[in-house]
Amino acid sequence: MKTKAVFSGFLALLTLTSVMASCGGDTTGESQVTTGSVETEAPAVETEETLKSLIPDGLDFGGEEIRILSSSYFETDAFTMHVDEATGDVVNDAVYNRNLALESKFNVKLAYTDQYQNGSGVDSAVQIRKFVTAGSDDYDILFGCQYNLAPLVLDNIMLNLEGQEYLHLDQPWWYQNHIEEMSIGHDKTYFVTGDITLNVLRNMGCLYVNKHLYTQNYESVDEMYQEVLDGKWTFDRLAETCTEMYRDINGDGAFDDDDQYGIGVITANLTDHFTYAAGIRATTRDENNIPMLTMNNEQTVNHTQKLYSLYYENPGVRVFPADYNSLDIVMPGKFNENELLYLPGWFYTSELLRNMDVDYAVIPFPKYDESQETYLSLAHDISVTACLPTTCSKVEQVTAIMEEMAFLGYRDVLPAYYEVAIKIKYNRDSTDAAMQILDIIHDNCTTDFAFIYNYALGGVGLIERDLMGGKKADFASFYAKKEKTYTKKLNELIEVFTSIDS
């Protein structure tokens, strides 16, 4: 299944929203968008026949409490699953109304327990392993960061969701490609993701462009948009414009934090997006859907050298410390002060820019070269996935609720976030081209088995992080030193995964 099919079903929904006069499209970026007067309220669905739940009416679970562990990376992501009350904010209220609808349709009470991983001292995977191996049924549904949750499959404590009566994983509200990348073989599915949560979309990578700097140094921003739409936004083009943007603002003759740059980067998570957006694959699949390590090839070797050159040999690139202070404060601050042309980040980064003084545009991470079929948007490894513990005693109830939750997310919540919050509320540009480009980013989500299971595979999914963090450009020799470890761990993972009988 092609990665660009992940969100393809969602495009049908976008044509039904009332936010835009029309919003058709495909995954090639040739969609036509016509903007009219904008209402900052949740999009209305016009055709009920097109968007029909596959869960029959009349399911009554007798007021049962459904206990949901909602573990995100950031504390601020809790709203993607539930909120306490309606506030008038379109996204908040869409989530709130979705949960009310679930409770009403099934006669249940949703009881959420919120956790977050970043700086909380809580490790959800440790807690889950503990209660499931003890035979306890503390929670009925588990939501957690994929990097944290995925390795738990090796403990044989997750329920196989393949073939469950109420789950229709072929529907557009489930991200089939992402689900497939989390699986091995054709008959075992332990993790599902899709419009059941906003979290995946919020963690898709993109680049923000400072319009003030762009128009000072180049021609119209429309030309930049056209370059993207024409498929010419490549890694080499990024490097070229970064070089041209360097200015020694403080006049001290040194490259330091006070100067103007084309882009600011860190060697940690942003490196993943430059890599996978360039079409680099750590794994591919055989005819039995078994992953194979195929990263050691000419394209990866060349990309690593290009990435090293960008980070360490390009005067217009500033490498900042690999921490969230750089990502959330320092780099957005320089962007706001017109000292960075590009700010790499995620859709959620737009929330850090709401009070920014200058306008910006949003474009995808660059292609490897013009021959790459399409732009790709990596869903970061803190994206939330859902699963059931083997101790779950309410499988019928919770799978029905999960299916309906994903459907309502597709129909109501995601349009509110994407069409209103992303396209209008946070974005500074509503031109046709800008809207098309947002759709391109959204519609071409990608991931990789090795990226998801990196911490069970000896680090092969994040190998480019290691190289850039160590200021190394020789991929082949670095990989060769660890190839036996990577291969051994992959074979062990495959053996365990295929032997699980739950």
Protein backbone atom coordinates (compact mmCIF):
# COMPACT_ATOMS: atom_id res chain seq x y z
CA MET A 1 0.00 0.00 0.00
CA LYS A 2 1.42 3.36 -0.97
CA THR A 3 2.08 5.80 1.83
CA LYS A 4 0.13 8.53 0.08
CA ALA A 5 -3.06 6.49 0.50
CA VAL A 6 -3.08 6.95 4.27
CA PHE A 7 -5.28 10.01 4.20
CA SER A 8 -6.87 9.57 0.76
CA GLY A 9 -10.30 8.79 2.12
CA PHE A 10 -10.25 11.98 4.12
CA LEU A 11 -10.21 14.03 0.95
CA ALA A 12 -13.80 13.01 0.27
CA LEU A 13 -14.77 14.51 3.58
CA LEU A 14 -13.06 17.80 2.87
CA THR A 15 -15.37 18.40 -0.09
CA LEU A 16 -18.31 18.33 2.31
CA THR A 17 -17.20 20.98 4.74
CA SER A 18 -18.70 24.45 4.77
CA VAL A 19 -15.46 26.23 5.61
CA MET A 20 -14.29 26.38 2.00
CA ALA A 21 -16.44 26.92 -1.05
CA SER A 22 -14.71 23.90 -2.58
CA CYS A 23 -11.88 21.71 -1.50
CA GLY A 24 -11.29 18.86 -3.88
CA GLY A 25 -7.97 17.20 -4.37
CA ASP A 26 -5.74 14.22 -4.78
CA THR A 27 -2.37 13.24 -3.44
CA THR A 28 -0.45 14.74 -6.35
CA GLY A 29 -1.01 18.30 -5.18
CA GLU A 30 -3.21 19.25 -8.15
CA SER A 31 -6.29 19.95 -6.05
CA GLN A 32 -8.20 23.16 -6.71
CA VAL A 33 -9.28 25.22 -3.72
CA THR A 34 -11.57 28.21 -3.87
CA THR A 35 -11.79 30.38 -0.81
CA GLY A 36 -14.75 32.48 0.17
CA SER A 37 -15.83 34.18 3.34
CA VAL A 38 -14.55 32.19 6.30
CA GLU A 39 -16.56 31.23 9.37
CA THR A 40 -14.49 30.06 12.31
CA GLU A 41 -16.94 27.43 13.42
CA ALA A 42 -16.91 23.68 12.98
CA PRO A 43 -17.56 22.48 9.41
CA ALA A 44 -21.01 21.11 8.74
CA VAL A 45 -21.46 17.76 7.02
CA GLU A 46 -23.90 18.07 4.13
CA THR A 47 -24.25 14.48 2.97
CA GLU A 48 -25.07 11.97 5.69
CA GLU A 49 -25.22 9.17 3.15
CA THR A 50 -21.54 9.61 2.30
CA LEU A 51 -20.44 9.61 5.91
CA LYS A 52 -22.24 6.76 7.60
CA SER A 53 -21.13 4.93 10.70
CA LEU A 54 -20.78 1.19 10.28
CA ILE A 55 -21.75 0.56 13.90
CA PRO A 56 -25.45 -0.33 14.10
CA ASP A 57 -27.81 1.63 16.29
CA GLY A 58 -29.29 -0.07 19.31
CA LEU A 59 -26.08 -1.25 21.00
CA ASP A 60 -26.70 -0.64 24.70
CA PHE A 61 -23.90 -1.40 27.14
CA GLY A 62 -25.98 -0.72 30.22
CA GLY A 63 -24.20 2.33 31.59
CA GLU A 64 -20.85 0.51 31.75
CA GLU A 65 -17.74 2.52 32.57
CA ILE A 66 -15.09 2.36 29.87
CA ARG A 67 -11.69 3.12 31.36
CA ILE A 68 -9.30 4.77 28.93
CA LEU A 69 -5.62 5.42 29.50
CA SER A 70 -4.72 8.49 27.45
CA SER A 71 -0.96 8.88 27.45
CA SER A 72 0.52 11.54 25.18
CA TYR A 73 4.02 12.95 25.02
CA PHE A 74 3.11 16.50 25.97
CA GLU A 75 0.73 17.44 28.75
CA THR A 76 -0.84 19.97 26.38
CA ASP A 77 -1.98 17.14 24.06
CA ALA A 78 -4.64 15.86 26.48
CA PHE A 79 -7.30 17.86 24.62
CA THR A 80 -6.89 15.64 21.56
CA MET A 81 -8.75 12.88 23.42
CA HIS A 82 -11.09 14.62 25.86
CA VAL A 83 -12.00 17.94 27.45
CA ASP A 84 -14.09 18.70 30.50
CA GLU A 85 -16.52 21.18 28.99
CA ALA A 86 -17.53 23.12 25.91
CA THR A 87 -15.74 26.46 25.68
CA GLY A 88 -16.71 27.83 22.27
CA ASP A 89 -13.38 26.86 20.71
CA VAL A 90 -14.13 24.82 17.60
CA VAL A 91 -11.64 22.04 18.27
CA ASN A 92 -12.32 21.80 21.99
CA ASP A 93 -16.05 21.56 21.36
CA ALA A 94 -15.68 19.02 18.55
CA VAL A 95 -13.80 16.69 20.93
CA TYR A 96 -16.29 17.36 23.73
CA ASN A 97 -19.31 16.64 21.51
CA ARG A 98 -17.72 13.50 20.10
CA ASN A 99 -17.38 12.00 23.56
CA LEU A 100 -20.94 13.00 24.49
CA ALA A 101 -22.16 11.29 21.31
CA LEU A 102 -20.26 8.11 22.19
CA GLU A 103 -21.70 8.01 25.70
CA SER A 104 -25.20 8.59 24.36
CA LYS A 105 -25.07 6.07 21.50
CA PHE A 106 -23.71 3.21 23.58
CA ASN A 107 -25.05 4.13 27.04
CA VAL A 108 -21.58 4.14 28.58
CA LYS A 109 -19.46 6.42 30.72
CA LEU A 110 -16.01 7.26 29.35
CA ALA A 111 -13.50 7.54 32.19
CA TYR A 112 -10.20 9.01 30.99
CA THR A 113 -6.91 8.86 32.87
CA ASP A 114 -4.42 11.38 31.48
CA GLN A 115 -0.69 10.86 31.47
CA TYR A 116 2.17 12.44 29.59
CA GLN A 117 5.72 11.27 28.97
CA ASN A 118 7.79 14.43 28.61
CA GLY A 119 9.28 15.39 31.99
CA SER A 120 6.50 13.78 34.05
CA GLY A 121 8.57 10.90 35.43
CA VAL A 122 5.79 8.55 34.27
CA ASP A 123 6.53 5.69 31.89
CA SER A 124 3.22 4.39 30.60
CA ALA A 125 4.79 1.29 29.08
CA VAL A 126 6.19 0.24 32.47
CA GLN A 127 2.79 0.73 34.10
CA ILE A 128 0.98 -1.18 31.37
CA ARG A 129 3.41 -4.09 31.48
CA LYS A 130 3.04 -4.27 35.24
CA PHE A 131 -0.74 -4.39 35.44
CA VAL A 132 -1.24 -6.69 32.43
CA THR A 133 1.37 -9.25 33.49
CA ALA A 134 -0.26 -9.25 36.94
CA GLY A 135 -3.55 -10.19 35.30
CA SER A 136 -5.24 -6.93 36.25
CA ASP A 137 -7.71 -5.09 34.04
CA ASP A 138 -6.96 -1.52 35.12
CA TYR A 139 -7.86 -0.10 31.69
CA ASP A 140 -10.07 -1.18 28.81
CA ILE A 141 -8.44 0.90 26.04
CA LEU A 142 -4.82 2.07 25.88
CA PHE A 143 -3.63 5.15 24.00
CA GLY A 144 0.08 5.93 24.04
CA CYS A 145 3.08 7.22 22.09
CA GLN A 146 4.08 4.69 19.44
CA TYR A 147 7.77 4.69 20.41
CA ASN A 148 6.74 3.82 23.96
CA LEU A 149 3.87 1.43 23.28
CA ALA A 150 5.01 -0.54 20.22
CA PRO A 151 7.78 -2.59 21.91
CA LEU A 152 5.20 -3.94 24.38
CA VAL A 153 3.98 -6.30 21.69
CA LEU A 154 7.08 -8.40 22.41
CA ASP A 155 5.74 -9.08 25.92
CA ASN A 156 2.66 -10.78 24.45
CA ILE A 157 0.35 -8.52 26.45
CA MET A 158 -1.60 -6.92 23.58
CA LEU A 159 -4.78 -8.28 22.04
CA ASN A 160 -4.84 -9.09 18.33
CA LEU A 161 -7.38 -6.74 16.76
CA GLU A 162 -7.48 -8.49 13.39
CA GLY A 163 -10.96 -9.70 12.56
CA GLN A 164 -12.73 -8.02 15.45
CA GLU A 165 -16.42 -7.68 14.53
CA TYR A 166 -16.81 -3.95 15.01
CA LEU A 167 -13.46 -2.72 13.73
CA HIS A 168 -13.50 -1.83 10.03
CA LEU A 169 -9.85 -1.03 9.44
CA ASP A 170 -10.32 -0.66 5.69
CA GLN A 171 -12.32 2.54 6.20
CA PRO A 172 -10.78 5.98 5.58
CA TRP A 173 -10.93 6.98 9.25
CA TRP A 174 -8.18 4.41 9.90
CA TYR A 175 -4.67 5.04 8.56
CA GLN A 176 -4.13 1.71 6.87
CA ASN A 177 -0.54 2.29 5.84
CA HIS A 178 0.47 3.32 9.34
CA ILE A 179 -1.32 0.29 10.82
CA GLU A 180 0.41 -1.98 8.33
CA GLU A 181 3.81 -0.54 9.22
CA MET A 182 3.17 -1.46 12.87
CA SER A 183 2.44 -5.08 11.94
CA ILE A 184 4.26 -8.15 10.68
CA GLY A 185 2.51 -10.60 8.38
CA HIS A 186 -1.11 -10.43 7.32
CA ASP A 187 -3.05 -11.80 10.27
CA LYS A 188 -1.94 -9.83 13.33
CA THR A 189 -2.83 -6.26 14.16
CA TYR A 190 -2.00 -5.07 17.66
CA PHE A 191 -2.01 -1.30 17.16
CA VAL A 192 -4.37 0.98 15.28
CA THR A 193 -4.22 4.66 14.53
CA GLY A 194 -6.24 7.11 12.55
CA ASP A 195 -8.83 9.81 13.13
CA ILE A 196 -9.55 8.27 16.51
CA THR A 197 -7.17 11.00 17.73
CA LEU A 198 -5.90 14.34 16.44
CA ASN A 199 -2.46 13.48 17.68
CA VAL A 200 -1.07 11.96 14.47
CA LEU A 201 -1.95 14.95 12.33
CA ARG A 202 -0.55 17.36 14.91
CA ASN A 203 2.77 15.51 14.77
CA MET A 204 3.21 15.55 11.00
CA GLY A 205 6.30 17.46 9.92
CA CYS A 206 6.33 20.71 7.94
CA LEU A 207 8.42 23.83 7.37
CA TYR A 208 7.37 27.38 8.23
CA VAL A 209 8.62 30.14 5.93
CA ASN A 210 9.13 33.74 7.10
CA LYS A 211 7.38 35.77 4.38
CA HIS A 212 9.16 39.00 5.32
CA LEU A 213 12.61 37.51 4.78
CA TYR A 214 11.51 35.63 1.69
CA THR A 215 10.16 38.70 -0.10
CA GLN A 216 13.19 40.75 0.96
CA ASN A 217 15.54 38.30 -0.72
CA TYR A 218 13.50 36.70 -3.47
CA GLU A 219 10.44 37.55 -5.49
CA SER A 220 6.82 36.83 -4.65
CA VAL A 221 5.87 34.12 -2.17
CA ASP A 222 3.59 32.87 -4.94
CA GLU A 223 6.69 31.74 -6.79
CA MET A 224 7.77 29.70 -3.79
CA TYR A 225 4.35 28.07 -3.67
CA GLN A 226 4.54 27.30 -7.36
CA GLU A 227 7.97 25.74 -6.91
CA VAL A 228 6.45 23.38 -4.35
CA LEU A 229 3.41 22.59 -6.50
CA ASP A 230 5.66 21.93 -9.50
CA GLY A 231 7.57 19.32 -7.50
CA LYS A 232 10.81 21.33 -7.52
CA TRP A 233 11.16 21.89 -3.78
CA THR A 234 14.18 19.65 -3.15
CA PHE A 235 16.92 19.20 -0.60
CA ASP A 236 19.42 20.95 -2.89
CA ARG A 237 17.07 23.90 -3.30
CA LEU A 238 16.74 24.18 0.49
CA ALA A 239 20.52 24.17 0.87
CA GLU A 240 20.90 26.81 -1.85
CA THR A 241 18.45 29.26 -0.28
CA CYS A 242 19.95 28.73 3.19
CA THR A 243 23.40 29.64 1.91
CA GLU A 244 22.05 32.84 0.41
CA MET A 245 20.37 33.90 3.63
CA TYR A 246 23.33 34.15 6.01
CA ARG A 247 24.02 37.63 7.46
CA ASP A 248 26.57 38.51 10.15
CA ILE A 249 24.11 40.73 12.02
CA ASN A 250 26.32 41.59 14.99
CA GLY A 251 29.38 42.14 12.78
CA ASP A 252 31.74 40.09 14.93
CA GLY A 253 32.97 37.95 12.03
CA ALA A 254 31.81 34.75 13.75
CA PHE A 255 28.92 32.38 13.12
CA ASP A 256 26.91 32.68 16.31
CA ASP A 257 23.34 32.60 17.60
CA ASP A 258 22.82 36.32 16.99
CA ASP A 259 23.25 36.11 13.20
CA GLN A 260 20.65 35.60 10.48
CA TYR A 261 20.35 32.11 8.99
CA GLY A 262 18.35 30.26 6.41
CA ILE A 263 17.25 27.61 8.89
CA GLY A 264 17.78 26.44 12.44
CA VAL A 265 17.99 22.72 13.15
CA ILE A 266 18.72 20.26 15.93
CA THR A 267 20.34 16.87 15.42
CA ALA A 268 17.55 14.96 17.19
CA ASN A 269 13.94 14.67 16.02
CA LEU A 270 14.11 17.14 13.12
CA THR A 271 16.72 14.91 11.48
CA ASP A 272 14.11 12.15 11.21
CA HIS A 273 11.89 14.39 9.11
CA PHE A 274 14.63 15.42 6.70
CA THR A 275 15.40 11.71 6.28
CA TYR A 276 12.02 10.07 5.82
CA ALA A 277 10.56 13.01 3.87
CA ALA A 278 13.37 12.42 1.36
CA GLY A 279 11.99 8.94 0.72
CA ILE A 280 14.67 7.11 2.71
CA ARG A 281 13.37 3.73 3.82
CA ALA A 282 14.91 1.70 6.62
CA THR A 283 12.77 -1.32 5.73
CA THR A 284 10.73 -2.75 2.88
CA ARG A 285 8.44 -5.80 2.85
CA ASP A 286 8.60 -9.21 1.22
CA GLU A 287 5.61 -11.04 -0.27
CA ASN A 288 4.52 -12.21 3.21
CA ASN A 289 4.57 -8.66 4.60
CA ILE A 290 7.72 -9.41 6.61
CA PRO A 291 10.01 -6.38 6.99
CA MET A 292 13.56 -6.48 5.64
CA LEU A 293 16.41 -4.07 6.33
CA THR A 294 17.12 -2.25 3.07
CA MET A 295 18.50 1.09 4.25
CA ASN A 296 22.11 0.53 3.21
CA ASN A 297 21.91 1.76 -0.36
CA GLU A 298 23.26 4.51 -2.60
CA GLN A 299 20.36 6.89 -1.98
CA THR A 300 20.82 6.72 1.80
CA VAL A 301 24.58 7.18 1.49
CA ASN A 302 24.11 10.24 -0.72
CA HIS A 303 21.37 11.68 1.48
CA THR A 304 23.55 11.34 4.58
CA GLN A 305 26.33 13.31 2.90
CA LYS A 306 23.84 15.98 1.83
CA LEU A 307 22.42 16.19 5.35
CA TYR A 308 25.90 16.47 6.87
CA SER A 309 26.78 19.22 4.39
CA LEU A 310 23.59 21.09 5.25
CA TYR A 311 24.16 20.88 9.00
CA TYR A 312 27.89 21.47 9.16
CA GLU A 313 29.15 23.02 5.93
CA ASN A 314 26.38 25.44 4.98
CA PRO A 315 26.91 28.95 6.43
CA GLY A 316 23.18 29.57 6.40
CA VAL A 317 22.35 26.74 8.79
CA ARG A 318 22.57 27.04 12.57
CA VAL A 319 22.65 23.81 14.61
CA PHE A 320 21.13 24.49 18.00
CA PRO A 321 21.32 22.29 21.12
CA ALA A 322 19.11 19.22 20.77
CA ASP A 323 16.44 20.12 23.30
CA TYR A 324 12.94 21.57 23.54
CA ASN A 325 14.24 24.96 24.58
CA SER A 326 15.69 25.23 21.08
CA LEU A 327 12.55 23.88 19.42
CA ASP A 328 9.93 25.78 21.40
CA ILE A 329 11.65 29.03 22.40
CA VAL A 330 14.97 29.87 20.74
CA MET A 331 14.21 28.94 17.14
CA PRO A 332 10.63 30.32 17.08
CA GLY A 333 12.03 33.48 18.68
CA LYS A 334 14.61 33.95 15.92
CA PHE A 335 11.92 33.20 13.35
CA ASN A 336 9.73 35.93 14.84
CA GLU A 337 12.68 38.35 14.87
CA ASN A 338 13.27 37.81 11.14
CA GLU A 339 16.52 35.95 11.77
CA LEU A 340 15.45 32.60 10.28
CA LEU A 341 13.92 32.07 6.85
CA TYR A 342 12.76 28.52 7.61
CA LEU A 343 11.52 27.06 10.89
CA PRO A 344 11.23 23.25 10.76
CA GLY A 345 8.60 21.70 12.98
CA TRP A 346 5.18 20.08 13.03
CA PHE A 347 1.59 21.15 12.57
CA TYR A 348 1.41 21.75 16.32
CA THR A 349 4.29 24.25 16.00
CA SER A 350 1.75 26.67 14.54
CA GLU A 351 0.35 27.04 18.06
CA LEU A 352 3.70 28.48 19.17
CA LEU A 353 3.43 31.11 16.43
CA ARG A 354 -0.06 32.42 17.12
CA ASN A 355 1.25 35.71 18.49
CA MET A 356 3.97 36.10 15.89
CA ASP A 357 4.33 39.61 14.44
CA VAL A 358 5.24 38.63 10.89
CA ASP A 359 3.40 36.45 8.42
CA TYR A 360 4.55 32.98 7.50
CA ALA A 361 3.81 30.27 4.97
CA VAL A 362 3.74 26.49 5.45
CA ILE A 363 5.44 24.07 3.05
CA PRO A 364 6.53 20.41 3.23
CA PHE A 365 9.98 19.13 4.08
CA PRO A 366 11.90 18.90 0.79
CA LYS A 367 12.08 15.93 -1.54
CA TYR A 368 15.36 14.10 -2.09
CA ASP A 369 15.29 15.32 -5.71
CA GLU A 370 12.74 16.09 -8.41
CA SER A 371 12.40 12.43 -9.38
CA GLN A 372 10.80 11.62 -6.00
CA GLU A 373 7.16 10.84 -6.73
CA THR A 374 5.63 13.01 -4.03
CA TYR A 375 6.38 15.01 -0.91
CA LEU A 376 6.26 12.91 2.25
CA SER A 377 5.27 13.96 5.77
CA LEU A 378 6.62 11.86 8.60
CA ALA A 379 4.25 11.28 11.52
CA HIS A 380 6.64 11.63 14.42
CA ASP A 381 7.29 8.79 16.85
CA ILE A 382 5.42 10.53 19.65
CA SER A 383 2.23 10.08 17.63
CA VAL A 384 -0.44 8.30 19.62
CA THR A 385 -1.63 4.78 18.78
CA ALA A 386 -4.36 2.64 20.33
CA CYS A 387 -4.40 -0.97 21.52
CA LEU A 388 -6.14 -3.33 23.93
CA PRO A 389 -4.47 -5.25 26.76
CA THR A 390 -4.96 -9.00 26.82
CA THR A 391 -6.74 -8.54 30.16
CA CYS A 392 -9.53 -6.56 28.48
CA SER A 393 -12.87 -8.14 29.41
CA LYS A 394 -15.01 -5.78 27.30
CA VAL A 395 -13.69 -6.44 23.80
CA GLU A 396 -17.07 -6.17 22.08
CA GLN A 397 -17.89 -2.90 23.81
CA VAL A 398 -14.53 -1.20 23.37
CA THR A 399 -14.02 -2.17 19.73
CA ALA A 400 -17.45 -0.76 18.89
CA ILE A 401 -16.56 2.44 20.75
CA MET A 402 -13.15 2.68 19.05
CA GLU A 403 -14.70 2.31 15.59
CA GLU A 404 -17.32 4.96 16.31
CA MET A 405 -14.69 7.23 17.89
CA ALA A 406 -12.57 7.04 14.74
CA PHE A 407 -15.60 7.66 12.51
CA LEU A 408 -16.70 10.71 14.50
CA GLY A 409 -13.10 11.95 14.48
CA TYR A 410 -13.10 11.69 10.69
CA ARG A 411 -16.49 13.33 10.28
CA ASP A 412 -16.39 16.03 12.95
CA VAL A 413 -13.16 16.50 14.89
CA LEU A 414 -10.48 16.37 12.20
CA PRO A 415 -12.30 18.84 9.91
CA ALA A 416 -12.61 21.25 12.83
CA TYR A 417 -8.88 21.04 13.50
CA TYR A 418 -7.63 20.82 9.94
CA GLU A 419 -10.05 23.07 8.10
CA VAL A 420 -10.45 25.69 10.82
CA ALA A 421 -7.52 25.59 13.23
CA ILE A 422 -4.78 24.72 10.75
CA LYS A 423 -6.02 26.28 7.52
CA ILE A 424 -7.56 29.40 9.00
CA LYS A 425 -6.99 30.05 12.69
CA TYR A 426 -3.22 29.50 12.83
CA ASN A 427 -2.18 29.79 9.20
CA ARG A 428 -1.39 33.28 7.86
CA ASP A 429 -2.31 32.56 4.24
CA SER A 430 -5.60 31.42 2.72
CA THR A 431 -4.67 31.61 -0.98
CA ASP A 432 -5.50 28.68 -3.23
CA ALA A 433 -1.85 27.64 -3.47
CA ALA A 434 -1.32 27.75 0.30
CA MET A 435 -4.38 25.57 0.84
CA GLN A 436 -3.25 23.07 -1.78
CA ILE A 437 0.14 22.77 -0.11
CA LEU A 438 -1.40 22.13 3.30
CA ASP A 439 -3.41 19.34 1.69
CA ILE A 440 -0.23 17.88 0.18
CA ILE A 441 1.41 17.74 3.61
CA HIS A 442 -1.71 16.27 5.18
CA ASP A 443 -2.36 13.69 2.46
CA ASN A 444 1.12 12.19 2.28
CA CYS A 445 1.73 10.89 5.78
CA THR A 446 4.55 8.37 6.00
CA THR A 447 6.31 6.19 8.54
CA ASP A 448 8.55 3.12 8.62
CA PHE A 449 8.53 -0.12 10.60
CA ALA A 450 12.07 0.53 11.86
CA PHE A 451 11.15 4.07 12.89
CA ILE A 452 8.20 2.77 14.92
CA TYR A 453 10.10 -0.12 16.55
CA ASN A 454 13.44 1.67 16.70
CA TYR A 455 14.03 0.98 20.39
CA ALA A 456 13.57 -2.75 19.85
CA LEU A 457 15.87 -2.77 16.80
CA GLY A 458 19.11 -1.37 18.14
CA GLY A 459 18.47 2.16 16.88
CA VAL A 460 18.40 1.54 13.13
CA GLY A 461 15.29 3.67 12.67
CA LEU A 462 17.08 6.73 14.04
CA ILE A 463 20.52 6.06 12.60
CA GLU A 464 20.66 9.46 10.89
CA ARG A 465 20.23 11.12 14.30
CA ASP A 466 23.29 9.27 15.55
CA LEU A 467 25.31 10.28 12.51
CA MET A 468 24.39 13.95 12.65
CA GLY A 469 24.77 14.08 16.43
CA GLY A 470 28.26 12.64 16.05
CA LYS A 471 29.09 14.89 13.09
CA LYS A 472 29.61 11.90 10.82
CA ALA A 473 28.85 11.65 7.11
CA ASP A 474 29.94 8.08 6.29
CA PHE A 475 26.72 6.10 6.46
CA ALA A 476 28.10 2.90 4.94
CA SER A 477 30.88 2.37 7.48
CA PHE A 478 28.68 3.37 10.41
CA TYR A 479 25.97 0.95 9.29
CA ALA A 480 28.47 -1.86 8.64
CA LYS A 481 29.66 -1.74 12.24
CA LYS A 482 26.12 -2.27 13.53
CA GLU A 483 24.57 -4.35 10.78
CA LYS A 484 24.83 -7.65 12.66
CA THR A 485 23.11 -6.13 15.68
CA TYR A 486 20.36 -4.62 13.56
CA THR A 487 19.79 -7.90 11.71
CA LYS A 488 19.80 -9.97 14.89
CA LYS A 489 17.31 -7.73 16.63
CA LEU A 490 15.02 -7.60 13.61
CA ASN A 491 15.03 -11.40 13.33
CA GLU A 492 14.30 -11.70 17.05
CA LEU A 493 11.44 -9.25 16.79
CA ILE A 494 9.98 -11.08 13.79
CA GLU A 495 10.29 -14.43 15.58
CA VAL A 496 8.55 -13.17 18.71
CA PHE A 497 5.90 -11.27 16.77
CA THR A 498 4.98 -14.23 14.54
CA SER A 499 4.89 -16.67 17.50
CA ILE A 500 2.40 -14.63 19.54
CA ASP A 501 -0.97 -16.34 19.63
CA SER A 502 -3.12 -13.72 21.39
